[in-house]
Amino acid sequence: AVATWNEFLFALILLSSDANKTLPVGLLNFQGQFSNN
């Protein structure tokens, strides 16, 4: 469960729409091109 919950690479490569993203991929929303929250 921990490995599945934290998996990032496959989710990043295989998922493209916001409606299907998992938690680790959603954390990328905090990083922008010019600034980081």
PDB file of all heavy atoms in Angstrom:
ATOM      1  N   ALA A   1       0.829  -1.207   0.000  1.00  0.00           N
ATOM      2  CA  ALA A   1       0.000   0.000   0.000  1.00  0.00           C
ATOM      3  C   ALA A   1       0.864   1.258   0.000  1.00  0.00           C
ATOM      4  O   ALA A   1       0.560   2.234  -0.699  1.00  0.00           O
ATOM      5  CB  ALA A   1      -0.928  -0.010   1.209  1.00  0.00           C
ATOM      6  N   VAL A   2       1.935   1.253   0.780  1.00  0.00           N
ATOM      7  CA  VAL A   2       2.835   2.407   0.806  1.00  0.00           C
ATOM      8  C   VAL A   2       3.472   2.622  -0.561  1.00  0.00           C
ATOM      9  O   VAL A   2       3.544   3.753  -1.063  1.00  0.00           O
ATOM     10  CB  VAL A   2       3.910   2.216   1.889  1.00  0.00           C
ATOM     11  CG1 VAL A   2       4.969   3.308   1.795  1.00  0.00           C
ATOM     12  CG2 VAL A   2       3.286   2.222   3.277  1.00  0.00           C
ATOM     13  N   ALA A   3       3.946   1.538  -1.171  1.00  0.00           N
ATOM     14  CA  ALA A   3       4.577   1.654  -2.489  1.00  0.00           C
ATOM     15  C   ALA A   3       3.581   2.148  -3.536  1.00  0.00           C
ATOM     16  O   ALA A   3       3.921   2.978  -4.391  1.00  0.00           O
ATOM     17  CB  ALA A   3       5.161   0.307  -2.895  1.00  0.00           C
ATOM     18  N   THR A   4       2.351   1.656  -3.481  1.00  0.00           N
ATOM     19  CA  THR A   4       1.329   2.082  -4.437  1.00  0.00           C
ATOM     20  C   THR A   4       0.926   3.535  -4.213  1.00  0.00           C
ATOM     21  O   THR A   4       0.754   4.307  -5.162  1.00  0.00           O
ATOM     22  CB  THR A   4       0.087   1.174  -4.310  1.00  0.00           C
ATOM     23  OG1 THR A   4       0.469  -0.190  -4.531  1.00  0.00           O
ATOM     24  CG2 THR A   4      -0.977   1.567  -5.322  1.00  0.00           C
ATOM     25  N   TRP A   5       0.780   3.918  -2.950  1.00  0.00           N
ATOM     26  CA  TRP A   5       0.373   5.285  -2.621  1.00  0.00           C
ATOM     27  C   TRP A   5       1.424   6.305  -3.045  1.00  0.00           C
ATOM     28  O   TRP A   5       1.085   7.417  -3.471  1.00  0.00           O
ATOM     29  CB  TRP A   5       0.123   5.373  -1.116  1.00  0.00           C
ATOM     30  CG  TRP A   5      -0.522   6.632  -0.642  1.00  0.00           C
ATOM     31  CD1 TRP A   5       0.102   7.737  -0.146  1.00  0.00           C
ATOM     32  CD2 TRP A   5      -1.929   6.926  -0.601  1.00  0.00           C
ATOM     33  NE1 TRP A   5      -0.819   8.702   0.213  1.00  0.00           N
ATOM     34  CE2 TRP A   5      -2.074   8.219  -0.068  1.00  0.00           C
ATOM     35  CE3 TRP A   5      -3.062   6.213  -0.956  1.00  0.00           C
ATOM     36  CZ2 TRP A   5      -3.321   8.809   0.116  1.00  0.00           C
ATOM     37  CZ3 TRP A   5      -4.301   6.807  -0.780  1.00  0.00           C
ATOM     38  CH2 TRP A   5      -4.416   8.084  -0.254  1.00  0.00           C
ATOM     39  N   ASN A   6       2.700   5.934  -2.958  1.00  0.00           N
ATOM     40  CA  ASN A   6       3.792   6.877  -3.238  1.00  0.00           C
ATOM     41  C   ASN A   6       4.354   6.769  -4.647  1.00  0.00           C
ATOM     42  O   ASN A   6       5.247   7.558  -4.992  1.00  0.00           O
ATOM     43  CB  ASN A   6       4.933   6.664  -2.244  1.00  0.00           C
ATOM     44  CG  ASN A   6       4.537   6.997  -0.819  1.00  0.00           C
ATOM     45  OD1 ASN A   6       3.654   7.829  -0.586  1.00  0.00           O
ATOM     46  ND2 ASN A   6       5.178   6.343   0.142  1.00  0.00           N
ATOM     47  N   GLU A   7       3.893   5.810  -5.446  1.00  0.00           N
ATOM     48  CA  GLU A   7       4.477   5.616  -6.773  1.00  0.00           C
ATOM     49  C   GLU A   7       4.267   6.842  -7.644  1.00  0.00           C
ATOM     50  O   GLU A   7       3.159   7.389  -7.732  1.00  0.00           O
ATOM     51  CB  GLU A   7       3.849   4.384  -7.442  1.00  0.00           C
ATOM     52  CG  GLU A   7       4.704   3.788  -8.539  1.00  0.00           C
ATOM     53  CD  GLU A   7       4.707   4.595  -9.825  1.00  0.00           C
ATOM     54  OE1 GLU A   7       3.633   5.144 -10.173  1.00  0.00           O
ATOM     55  OE2 GLU A   7       5.753   4.682 -10.481  1.00  0.00           O
ATOM     56  N   PHE A   8       5.329   7.262  -8.314  1.00  0.00           N
ATOM     57  CA  PHE A   8       5.283   8.524  -9.056  1.00  0.00           C
ATOM     58  C   PHE A   8       5.570   8.354 -10.545  1.00  0.00           C
ATOM     59  O   PHE A   8       4.878   8.937 -11.377  1.00  0.00           O
ATOM     60  CB  PHE A   8       6.290   9.496  -8.459  1.00  0.00           C
ATOM     61  CG  PHE A   8       6.450  10.771  -9.226  1.00  0.00           C
ATOM     62  CD1 PHE A   8       5.469  11.749  -9.184  1.00  0.00           C
ATOM     63  CD2 PHE A   8       7.574  10.998  -9.995  1.00  0.00           C
ATOM     64  CE1 PHE A   8       5.603  12.930  -9.895  1.00  0.00           C
ATOM     65  CE2 PHE A   8       7.727  12.176 -10.718  1.00  0.00           C
ATOM     66  CZ  PHE A   8       6.732  13.143 -10.662  1.00  0.00           C
ATOM     67  N   LEU A   9       6.581   7.558 -10.902  1.00  0.00           N
ATOM     68  CA  LEU A   9       7.067   7.548 -12.283  1.00  0.00           C
ATOM     69  C   LEU A   9       6.028   6.998 -13.253  1.00  0.00           C
ATOM     70  O   LEU A   9       5.729   7.632 -14.277  1.00  0.00           O
ATOM     71  CB  LEU A   9       8.365   6.743 -12.371  1.00  0.00           C
ATOM     72  CG  LEU A   9       9.070   6.780 -13.732  1.00  0.00           C
ATOM     73  CD1 LEU A   9       9.391   8.222 -14.118  1.00  0.00           C
ATOM     74  CD2 LEU A   9      10.333   5.937 -13.702  1.00  0.00           C
ATOM     75  N   PHE A  10       5.485   5.821 -12.978  1.00  0.00           N
ATOM     76  CA  PHE A  10       4.469   5.255 -13.872  1.00  0.00           C
ATOM     77  C   PHE A  10       3.247   6.162 -13.954  1.00  0.00           C
ATOM     78  O   PHE A  10       2.680   6.355 -15.038  1.00  0.00           O
ATOM     79  CB  PHE A  10       4.044   3.866 -13.376  1.00  0.00           C
ATOM     80  CG  PHE A  10       4.915   2.761 -13.882  1.00  0.00           C
ATOM     81  CD1 PHE A  10       5.402   1.803 -13.019  1.00  0.00           C
ATOM     82  CD2 PHE A  10       5.266   2.666 -15.217  1.00  0.00           C
ATOM     83  CE1 PHE A  10       6.215   0.779 -13.468  1.00  0.00           C
ATOM     84  CE2 PHE A  10       6.079   1.654 -15.688  1.00  0.00           C
ATOM     85  CZ  PHE A  10       6.553   0.704 -14.805  1.00  0.00           C
ATOM     86  N   ALA A  11       2.822   6.718 -12.828  1.00  0.00           N
ATOM     87  CA  ALA A  11       1.660   7.608 -12.840  1.00  0.00           C
ATOM     88  C   ALA A  11       1.933   8.863 -13.663  1.00  0.00           C
ATOM     89  O   ALA A  11       1.054   9.357 -14.370  1.00  0.00           O
ATOM     90  CB  ALA A  11       1.283   7.984 -11.406  1.00  0.00           C
ATOM     91  N   LEU A  12       3.165   9.375 -13.587  1.00  0.00           N
ATOM     92  CA  LEU A  12       3.513  10.566 -14.355  1.00  0.00           C
ATOM     93  C   LEU A  12       3.531  10.288 -15.853  1.00  0.00           C
ATOM     94  O   LEU A  12       3.066  11.105 -16.656  1.00  0.00           O
ATOM     95  CB  LEU A  12       4.876  11.079 -13.904  1.00  0.00           C
ATOM     96  CG  LEU A  12       5.434  12.292 -14.660  1.00  0.00           C
ATOM     97  CD1 LEU A  12       4.563  13.515 -14.446  1.00  0.00           C
ATOM     98  CD2 LEU A  12       6.872  12.572 -14.226  1.00  0.00           C
ATOM     99  N   ILE A  13       4.050   9.129 -16.249  1.00  0.00           N
ATOM    100  CA  ILE A  13       4.190   8.805 -17.670  1.00  0.00           C
ATOM    101  C   ILE A  13       2.865   8.359 -18.285  1.00  0.00           C
ATOM    102  O   ILE A  13       2.546   8.728 -19.426  1.00  0.00           O
ATOM    103  CB  ILE A  13       5.266   7.712 -17.852  1.00  0.00           C
ATOM    104  CG1 ILE A  13       6.616   8.204 -17.334  1.00  0.00           C
ATOM    105  CG2 ILE A  13       5.380   7.301 -19.315  1.00  0.00           C
ATOM    106  CD1 ILE A  13       7.156   9.424 -18.031  1.00  0.00           C
ATOM    107  N   LEU A  14       2.088   7.572 -17.540  1.00  0.00           N
ATOM    108  CA  LEU A  14       0.900   6.951 -18.123  1.00  0.00           C
ATOM    109  C   LEU A  14      -0.368   7.773 -17.952  1.00  0.00           C
ATOM    110  O   LEU A  14      -1.355   7.510 -18.640  1.00  0.00           O
ATOM    111  CB  LEU A  14       0.686   5.561 -17.498  1.00  0.00           C
ATOM    112  CG  LEU A  14       1.816   4.552 -17.736  1.00  0.00           C
ATOM    113  CD1 LEU A  14       1.503   3.235 -17.030  1.00  0.00           C
ATOM    114  CD2 LEU A  14       2.029   4.318 -19.223  1.00  0.00           C
ATOM    115  N   LEU A  15      -0.365   8.736 -17.036  1.00  0.00           N
ATOM    116  CA  LEU A  15      -1.557   9.560 -16.818  1.00  0.00           C
ATOM    117  C   LEU A  15      -1.324  10.963 -17.360  1.00  0.00           C
ATOM    118  O   LEU A  15      -0.270  11.543 -17.120  1.00  0.00           O
ATOM    119  CB  LEU A  15      -1.900   9.627 -15.324  1.00  0.00           C
ATOM    120  CG  LEU A  15      -2.162   8.287 -14.625  1.00  0.00           C
ATOM    121  CD1 LEU A  15      -2.416   8.504 -13.150  1.00  0.00           C
ATOM    122  CD2 LEU A  15      -3.337   7.551 -15.268  1.00  0.00           C
ATOM    123  N   SER A  16      -2.311  11.512 -18.053  1.00  0.00           N
ATOM    124  CA  SER A  16      -2.151  12.832 -18.654  1.00  0.00           C
ATOM    125  C   SER A  16      -3.223  13.827 -18.210  1.00  0.00           C
ATOM    126  O   SER A  16      -2.930  15.012 -18.034  1.00  0.00           O
ATOM    127  CB  SER A  16      -2.165  12.717 -20.186  1.00  0.00           C
ATOM    128  OG  SER A  16      -3.351  12.076 -20.637  1.00  0.00           O
ATOM    129  N   SER A  17      -4.458  13.391 -18.002  1.00  0.00           N
ATOM    130  CA  SER A  17      -5.533  14.315 -17.650  1.00  0.00           C
ATOM    131  C   SER A  17      -5.566  14.537 -16.141  1.00  0.00           C
ATOM    132  O   SER A  17      -5.207  13.658 -15.351  1.00  0.00           O
ATOM    133  CB  SER A  17      -6.877  13.765 -18.129  1.00  0.00           C
ATOM    134  OG  SER A  17      -7.174  12.536 -17.495  1.00  0.00           O
ATOM    135  N   ASP A  18      -6.004  15.731 -15.751  1.00  0.00           N
ATOM    136  CA  ASP A  18      -6.092  16.064 -14.327  1.00  0.00           C
ATOM    137  C   ASP A  18      -7.098  15.186 -13.590  1.00  0.00           C
ATOM    138  O   ASP A  18      -6.948  14.946 -12.388  1.00  0.00           O
ATOM    139  CB  ASP A  18      -6.486  17.540 -14.162  1.00  0.00           C
ATOM    140  CG  ASP A  18      -5.386  18.478 -14.630  1.00  0.00           C
ATOM    141  OD1 ASP A  18      -4.214  18.045 -14.653  1.00  0.00           O
ATOM    142  OD2 ASP A  18      -5.697  19.630 -14.976  1.00  0.00           O
ATOM    143  N   ALA A  19      -8.093  14.700 -14.289  1.00  0.00           N
ATOM    144  CA  ALA A  19      -9.129  13.896 -13.642  1.00  0.00           C
ATOM    145  C   ALA A  19      -8.633  12.522 -13.227  1.00  0.00           C
ATOM    146  O   ALA A  19      -9.260  11.856 -12.400  1.00  0.00           O
ATOM    147  CB  ALA A  19     -10.333  13.734 -14.576  1.00  0.00           C
ATOM    148  N   ASN A  20      -7.490  12.072 -13.778  1.00  0.00           N
ATOM    149  CA  ASN A  20      -6.979  10.734 -13.483  1.00  0.00           C
ATOM    150  C   ASN A  20      -5.666  10.747 -12.706  1.00  0.00           C
ATOM    151  O   ASN A  20      -5.114   9.677 -12.436  1.00  0.00           O
ATOM    152  CB  ASN A  20      -6.774   9.947 -14.785  1.00  0.00           C
ATOM    153  CG  ASN A  20      -8.083   9.618 -15.474  1.00  0.00           C
ATOM    154  OD1 ASN A  20      -9.073   9.290 -14.828  1.00  0.00           O
ATOM    155  ND2 ASN A  20      -8.108   9.728 -16.788  1.00  0.00           N
ATOM    156  N   LYS A  21      -5.169  11.901 -12.335  1.00  0.00           N
ATOM    157  CA  LYS A  21      -3.875  11.956 -11.659  1.00  0.00           C
ATOM    158  C   LYS A  21      -3.980  11.443 -10.233  1.00  0.00           C
ATOM    159  O   LYS A  21      -5.006  11.583  -9.572  1.00  0.00           O
ATOM    160  CB  LYS A  21      -3.351  13.397 -11.660  1.00  0.00           C
ATOM    161  CG  LYS A  21      -2.892  13.879 -13.022  1.00  0.00           C
ATOM    162  CD  LYS A  21      -2.336  15.288 -12.954  1.00  0.00           C
ATOM    163  CE  LYS A  21      -1.842  15.744 -14.335  1.00  0.00           C
ATOM    164  NZ  LYS A  21      -1.309  17.130 -14.292  1.00  0.00           N
ATOM    165  N   THR A  22      -2.874  10.858  -9.765  1.00  0.00           N
ATOM    166  CA  THR A  22      -2.800  10.374  -8.389  1.00  0.00           C
ATOM    167  C   THR A  22      -2.108  11.418  -7.514  1.00  0.00           C
ATOM    168  O   THR A  22      -1.645  12.451  -7.994  1.00  0.00           O
ATOM    169  CB  THR A  22      -2.025   9.047  -8.335  1.00  0.00           C
ATOM    170  OG1 THR A  22      -0.714   9.232  -8.893  1.00  0.00           O
ATOM    171  CG2 THR A  22      -2.749   7.961  -9.128  1.00  0.00           C
ATOM    172  N   LEU A  23      -2.024  11.133  -6.221  1.00  0.00           N
ATOM    173  CA  LEU A  23      -1.480  12.102  -5.260  1.00  0.00           C
ATOM    174  C   LEU A  23      -0.069  12.570  -5.591  1.00  0.00           C
ATOM    175  O   LEU A  23       0.195  13.776  -5.601  1.00  0.00           O
ATOM    176  CB  LEU A  23      -1.519  11.504  -3.852  1.00  0.00           C
ATOM    177  CG  LEU A  23      -2.768  11.777  -3.020  1.00  0.00           C
ATOM    178  CD1 LEU A  23      -2.695  11.011  -1.713  1.00  0.00           C
ATOM    179  CD2 LEU A  23      -2.905  13.262  -2.741  1.00  0.00           C
ATOM    180  N   PRO A  24       0.901  11.673  -5.832  1.00  0.00           N
ATOM    181  CA  PRO A  24       2.259  12.166  -6.120  1.00  0.00           C
ATOM    182  C   PRO A  24       2.323  13.075  -7.337  1.00  0.00           C
ATOM    183  O   PRO A  24       3.075  14.049  -7.347  1.00  0.00           O
ATOM    184  CB  PRO A  24       3.055  10.870  -6.333  1.00  0.00           C
ATOM    185  CG  PRO A  24       2.290   9.830  -5.592  1.00  0.00           C
ATOM    186  CD  PRO A  24       0.859  10.204  -5.754  1.00  0.00           C
ATOM    187  N   VAL A  25       1.522  12.770  -8.376  1.00  0.00           N
ATOM    188  CA  VAL A  25       1.530  13.618  -9.574  1.00  0.00           C
ATOM    189  C   VAL A  25       0.849  14.940  -9.272  1.00  0.00           C
ATOM    190  O   VAL A  25       1.253  15.991  -9.794  1.00  0.00           O
ATOM    191  CB  VAL A  25       0.828  12.891 -10.740  1.00  0.00           C
ATOM    192  CG1 VAL A  25       0.851  13.755 -12.005  1.00  0.00           C
ATOM    193  CG2 VAL A  25       1.509  11.555 -11.011  1.00  0.00           C
ATOM    194  N   GLY A  26      -0.159  14.945  -8.422  1.00  0.00           N
ATOM    195  CA  GLY A  26      -0.827  16.183  -8.060  1.00  0.00           C
ATOM    196  C   GLY A  26       0.078  17.166  -7.344  1.00  0.00           C
ATOM    197  O   GLY A  26      -0.143  18.381  -7.402  1.00  0.00           O
ATOM    198  N   LEU A  27       1.102  16.668  -6.665  1.00  0.00           N
ATOM    199  CA  LEU A  27       2.034  17.555  -5.972  1.00  0.00           C
ATOM    200  C   LEU A  27       2.865  18.393  -6.939  1.00  0.00           C
ATOM    201  O   LEU A  27       3.464  19.397  -6.532  1.00  0.00           O
ATOM    202  CB  LEU A  27       2.965  16.736  -5.075  1.00  0.00           C
ATOM    203  CG  LEU A  27       2.296  16.041  -3.877  1.00  0.00           C
ATOM    204  CD1 LEU A  27       3.304  15.178  -3.133  1.00  0.00           C
ATOM    205  CD2 LEU A  27       1.681  17.069  -2.927  1.00  0.00           C
ATOM    206  N   LEU A  28       2.909  18.010  -8.209  1.00  0.00           N
ATOM    207  CA  LEU A  28       3.638  18.813  -9.193  1.00  0.00           C
ATOM    208  C   LEU A  28       2.973  20.153  -9.444  1.00  0.00           C
ATOM    209  O   LEU A  28       3.605  21.064  -9.998  1.00  0.00           O
ATOM    210  CB  LEU A  28       3.757  18.044 -10.518  1.00  0.00           C
ATOM    211  CG  LEU A  28       4.652  16.799 -10.519  1.00  0.00           C
ATOM    212  CD1 LEU A  28       4.620  16.125 -11.888  1.00  0.00           C
ATOM    213  CD2 LEU A  28       6.085  17.157 -10.147  1.00  0.00           C
ATOM    214  N   ASN A  29       1.720  20.299  -9.053  1.00  0.00           N
ATOM    215  CA  ASN A  29       1.021  21.558  -9.265  1.00  0.00           C
ATOM    216  C   ASN A  29       1.620  22.700  -8.442  1.00  0.00           C
ATOM    217  O   ASN A  29       1.343  23.869  -8.713  1.00  0.00           O
ATOM    218  CB  ASN A  29      -0.464  21.413  -8.913  1.00  0.00           C
ATOM    219  CG  ASN A  29      -1.190  20.462  -9.858  1.00  0.00           C
ATOM    220  OD1 ASN A  29      -0.769  20.242 -10.986  1.00  0.00           O
ATOM    221  ND2 ASN A  29      -2.284  19.885  -9.387  1.00  0.00           N
ATOM    222  N   PHE A  30       2.417  22.379  -7.444  1.00  0.00           N
ATOM    223  CA  PHE A  30       3.014  23.412  -6.602  1.00  0.00           C
ATOM    224  C   PHE A  30       4.289  23.987  -7.217  1.00  0.00           C
ATOM    225  O   PHE A  30       4.858  24.932  -6.682  1.00  0.00           O
ATOM    226  CB  PHE A  30       3.337  22.850  -5.220  1.00  0.00           C
ATOM    227  CG  PHE A  30       2.118  22.457  -4.441  1.00  0.00           C
ATOM    228  CD1 PHE A  30       1.644  21.165  -4.471  1.00  0.00           C
ATOM    229  CD2 PHE A  30       1.432  23.394  -3.686  1.00  0.00           C
ATOM    230  CE1 PHE A  30       0.521  20.790  -3.756  1.00  0.00           C
ATOM    231  CE2 PHE A  30       0.303  23.041  -2.967  1.00  0.00           C
ATOM    232  CZ  PHE A  30      -0.156  21.736  -3.007  1.00  0.00           C
ATOM    233  N   GLN A  31       4.755  23.412  -8.310  1.00  0.00           N
ATOM    234  CA  GLN A  31       5.967  23.891  -8.968  1.00  0.00           C
ATOM    235  C   GLN A  31       5.601  24.547 -10.286  1.00  0.00           C
ATOM    236  O   GLN A  31       4.988  23.924 -11.150  1.00  0.00           O
ATOM    237  CB  GLN A  31       6.949  22.743  -9.207  1.00  0.00           C
ATOM    238  CG  GLN A  31       7.470  22.111  -7.912  1.00  0.00           C
ATOM    239  CD  GLN A  31       8.496  21.034  -8.174  1.00  0.00           C
ATOM    240  OE1 GLN A  31       8.670  20.595  -9.299  1.00  0.00           O
ATOM    241  NE2 GLN A  31       9.195  20.629  -7.131  1.00  0.00           N
ATOM    242  N   GLY A  32       5.981  25.803 -10.429  1.00  0.00           N
ATOM    243  CA  GLY A  32       5.739  26.537 -11.658  1.00  0.00           C
ATOM    244  C   GLY A  32       7.017  26.753 -12.435  1.00  0.00           C
ATOM    245  O   GLY A  32       8.103  26.323 -12.041  1.00  0.00           O
ATOM    246  N   GLN A  33       6.893  27.460 -13.555  1.00  0.00           N
ATOM    247  CA  GLN A  33       8.055  27.703 -14.399  1.00  0.00           C
ATOM    248  C   GLN A  33       8.999  28.718 -13.786  1.00  0.00           C
ATOM    249  O   GLN A  33      10.222  28.628 -13.936  1.00  0.00           O
ATOM    250  CB  GLN A  33       7.600  28.191 -15.784  1.00  0.00           C
ATOM    251  CG  GLN A  33       8.748  28.407 -16.766  1.00  0.00           C
ATOM    252  CD  GLN A  33       8.248  28.828 -18.133  1.00  0.00           C
ATOM    253  OE1 GLN A  33       7.049  28.985 -18.339  1.00  0.00           O
ATOM    254  NE2 GLN A  33       9.165  29.010 -19.065  1.00  0.00           N
ATOM    255  N   PHE A  34       8.476  29.678 -13.042  1.00  0.00           N
ATOM    256  CA  PHE A  34       9.309  30.745 -12.515  1.00  0.00           C
ATOM    257  C   PHE A  34       9.348  30.786 -10.985  1.00  0.00           C
ATOM    258  O   PHE A  34      10.165  31.485 -10.410  1.00  0.00           O
ATOM    259  CB  PHE A  34       8.800  32.105 -13.032  1.00  0.00           C
ATOM    260  CG  PHE A  34       8.791  32.204 -14.531  1.00  0.00           C
ATOM    261  CD1 PHE A  34       7.606  32.102 -15.231  1.00  0.00           C
ATOM    262  CD2 PHE A  34       9.977  32.387 -15.232  1.00  0.00           C
ATOM    263  CE1 PHE A  34       7.591  32.198 -16.610  1.00  0.00           C
ATOM    264  CE2 PHE A  34       9.968  32.477 -16.615  1.00  0.00           C
ATOM    265  CZ  PHE A  34       8.783  32.380 -17.314  1.00  0.00           C
ATOM    266  N   SER A  35       8.472  30.086 -10.309  1.00  0.00           N
ATOM    267  CA  SER A  35       8.459  30.124  -8.847  1.00  0.00           C
ATOM    268  C   SER A  35       7.891  28.822  -8.312  1.00  0.00           C
ATOM    269  O   SER A  35       7.172  28.093  -9.013  1.00  0.00           O
ATOM    270  CB  SER A  35       7.621  31.304  -8.337  1.00  0.00           C
ATOM    271  OG  SER A  35       6.272  31.162  -8.748  1.00  0.00           O
ATOM    272  N   ASN A  36       8.234  28.534  -7.047  1.00  0.00           N
ATOM    273  CA  ASN A  36       7.744  27.341  -6.373  1.00  0.00           C
ATOM    274  C   ASN A  36       7.025  27.739  -5.095  1.00  0.00           C
ATOM    275  O   ASN A  36       7.515  28.576  -4.337  1.00  0.00           O
ATOM    276  CB  ASN A  36       8.908  26.396  -6.030  1.00  0.00           C
ATOM    277  CG  ASN A  36       9.619  25.886  -7.270  1.00  0.00           C
ATOM    278  OD1 ASN A  36       9.004  25.721  -8.320  1.00  0.00           O
ATOM    279  ND2 ASN A  36      10.903  25.626  -7.155  1.00  0.00           N
ATOM    280  N   ASN A  37       5.879  27.128  -4.858  1.00  0.00           N
ATOM    281  CA  ASN A  37       5.137  27.346  -3.634  1.00  0.00           C
ATOM    282  C   ASN A  37       5.625  26.333  -2.599  1.00  0.00           C
ATOM    283  O   ASN A  37       5.020  25.281  -2.397  1.00  0.00           O
ATOM    284  CB  ASN A  37       3.637  27.195  -3.899  1.00  0.00           C
ATOM    285  CG  ASN A  37       2.792  27.571  -2.697  1.00  0.00           C
ATOM    286  OD1 ASN A  37       3.317  27.838  -1.609  1.00  0.00           O
ATOM    287  ND2 ASN A  37       1.483  27.599  -2.882  1.00  0.00           N
TER     288      ASN A  37
END
